[in-house]
Amino acid sequence: QVQLVESGGGLVQAGGSLRLSCAGSGRSFSMNVMGWYRQAPGKQRELVADITTGGRTNYADSVKGRFTISRDNAKNTVYLQMHSLKPEDTAVYYCHVRGYITDYWGQGTQVTVSS
């Protein structure tokens, strides 16, 4: 059974940092694009960042310069380092893996940034 399990969310003050992790199990994701999405209350889910197998990264404009995505294929894990957090970063963050037939999603982890 394929699973993606996120960790690292929580409550932080504006200007603070958090590091999210997403560990995959059930199959290797070393050949897949991995990424993070987020969904704030009343808003659509949006791409935050993704990373290819070769390490090429892509970021939403709203997080460029503040967030860094990375991956460890040996651990089947993708990370999201978040700095200079803002209240508007508050959302449920979801790990995502782009599959060839179907995509995979984690259960989500809450990030709350207080002002």
Protein backbone atom coordinates (compact mmCIF):
# COMPACT_ATOMS: atom_id res chain seq x y z
CA GLN A 1 0.00 0.00 0.00
CA VAL A 2 1.41 3.35 -1.07
CA GLN A 3 1.47 5.99 1.64
CA LEU A 4 2.77 9.53 2.05
CA VAL A 5 3.09 10.70 5.62
CA GLU A 6 3.75 14.36 6.38
CA SER A 7 5.21 15.74 9.57
CA GLY A 8 6.59 19.00 10.88
CA GLY A 9 3.58 21.28 10.84
CA GLY A 10 2.54 23.39 13.77
CA LEU A 11 2.00 26.86 15.15
CA VAL A 12 4.68 29.49 14.66
CA GLN A 13 4.91 33.26 14.96
CA ALA A 14 5.30 35.44 11.92
CA GLY A 15 8.93 35.53 10.85
CA GLY A 16 9.56 32.05 12.17
CA SER A 17 10.57 28.84 10.44
CA LEU A 18 9.28 25.33 10.02
CA ARG A 19 10.49 22.26 8.18
CA LEU A 20 8.00 19.85 6.70
CA SER A 21 8.87 16.26 5.83
CA CYS A 22 7.01 13.74 3.73
CA ALA A 23 8.06 10.11 3.82
CA GLY A 24 6.82 7.74 1.18
CA SER A 25 6.32 4.02 1.59
CA GLY A 26 5.00 1.14 -0.48
CA ARG A 27 7.07 1.97 -3.58
CA SER A 28 10.01 4.11 -4.62
CA PHE A 29 9.36 7.67 -5.76
CA SER A 30 12.90 8.34 -6.95
CA MET A 31 11.72 8.66 -10.58
CA ASN A 32 8.73 10.91 -9.81
CA VAL A 33 8.24 14.62 -9.43
CA MET A 34 7.51 15.33 -5.77
CA GLY A 35 6.05 18.46 -4.33
CA TRP A 36 4.00 20.37 -1.81
CA TYR A 37 0.59 21.95 -2.18
CA ARG A 38 -1.39 23.95 0.33
CA GLN A 39 -5.00 24.82 0.92
CA ALA A 40 -6.19 27.68 3.08
CA PRO A 41 -9.79 27.88 4.36
CA GLY A 42 -12.14 28.94 1.57
CA LYS A 43 -9.42 28.79 -1.07
CA GLN A 44 -8.40 26.33 -3.74
CA ARG A 45 -5.46 24.03 -3.29
CA GLU A 46 -2.35 25.58 -4.82
CA LEU A 47 1.12 24.42 -5.72
CA VAL A 48 3.79 25.63 -3.32
CA ALA A 49 6.85 23.94 -4.81
CA ASP A 50 7.94 20.83 -6.63
CA ILE A 51 11.18 19.10 -7.49
CA THR A 52 12.11 16.77 -10.32
CA THR A 53 14.16 13.62 -10.08
CA GLY A 54 17.16 15.62 -11.25
CA GLY A 55 16.68 18.26 -8.58
CA ARG A 56 15.16 21.01 -10.70
CA THR A 57 12.83 23.09 -8.53
CA ASN A 58 9.77 25.19 -9.14
CA TYR A 59 8.19 27.62 -6.66
CA ALA A 60 5.04 29.66 -6.38
CA ASP A 61 5.85 33.36 -6.63
CA SER A 62 4.49 33.92 -3.13
CA VAL A 63 7.13 31.70 -1.53
CA LYS A 64 10.20 32.32 -3.69
CA GLY A 65 13.19 33.28 -1.60
CA ARG A 66 11.56 32.04 1.61
CA PHE A 67 10.88 28.32 1.02
CA THR A 68 13.25 25.61 -0.15
CA ILE A 69 12.21 22.20 -1.40
CA SER A 70 14.60 19.26 -1.37
CA ARG A 71 14.47 15.50 -1.62
CA ASP A 72 16.36 12.45 -0.43
CA ASN A 73 15.69 9.59 -2.82
CA ALA A 74 17.44 7.07 -0.58
CA LYS A 75 14.90 7.90 2.13
CA ASN A 76 11.99 8.31 -0.28
CA THR A 77 11.41 11.68 1.37
CA VAL A 78 10.73 15.24 0.27
CA TYR A 79 11.23 18.27 2.50
CA LEU A 80 9.99 21.83 2.60
CA GLN A 81 12.07 24.30 4.59
CA MET A 82 10.04 27.42 5.29
CA HIS A 83 11.56 30.67 6.54
CA SER A 84 10.16 34.16 7.15
CA LEU A 85 6.70 32.73 7.54
CA LYS A 86 3.73 35.05 7.14
CA PRO A 87 0.14 34.76 8.38
CA GLU A 88 -0.94 34.24 4.76
CA ASP A 89 1.12 31.03 4.71
CA THR A 90 -1.41 29.51 7.10
CA ALA A 91 -2.90 26.43 5.44
CA VAL A 92 -2.98 22.67 5.36
CA TYR A 93 0.11 21.53 3.49
CA TYR A 94 -0.11 18.39 1.38
CA CYS A 95 2.66 16.24 0.02
CA HIS A 96 2.16 15.24 -3.62
CA VAL A 97 3.78 12.76 -5.96
CA ARG A 98 3.08 12.92 -9.67
CA GLY A 99 2.46 9.39 -10.85
CA TYR A 100 2.33 7.99 -14.38
CA ILE A 101 -1.25 6.83 -14.03
CA THR A 102 -2.40 8.30 -10.75
CA ASP A 103 -1.14 10.95 -8.39
CA TYR A 104 -0.48 10.33 -4.72
CA TRP A 105 -1.38 12.65 -1.83
CA GLY A 106 -0.54 12.76 1.83
CA GLN A 107 -3.12 13.40 4.52
CA GLY A 108 -1.95 16.95 5.11
CA THR A 109 -0.31 18.80 7.96
CA GLN A 110 -1.54 22.08 9.43
CA VAL A 111 0.72 25.12 9.41
CA THR A 112 -0.55 28.12 11.37
CA VAL A 113 1.35 31.41 11.41
CA SER A 114 0.28 33.92 14.03
CA SER A 115 0.76 37.66 13.59
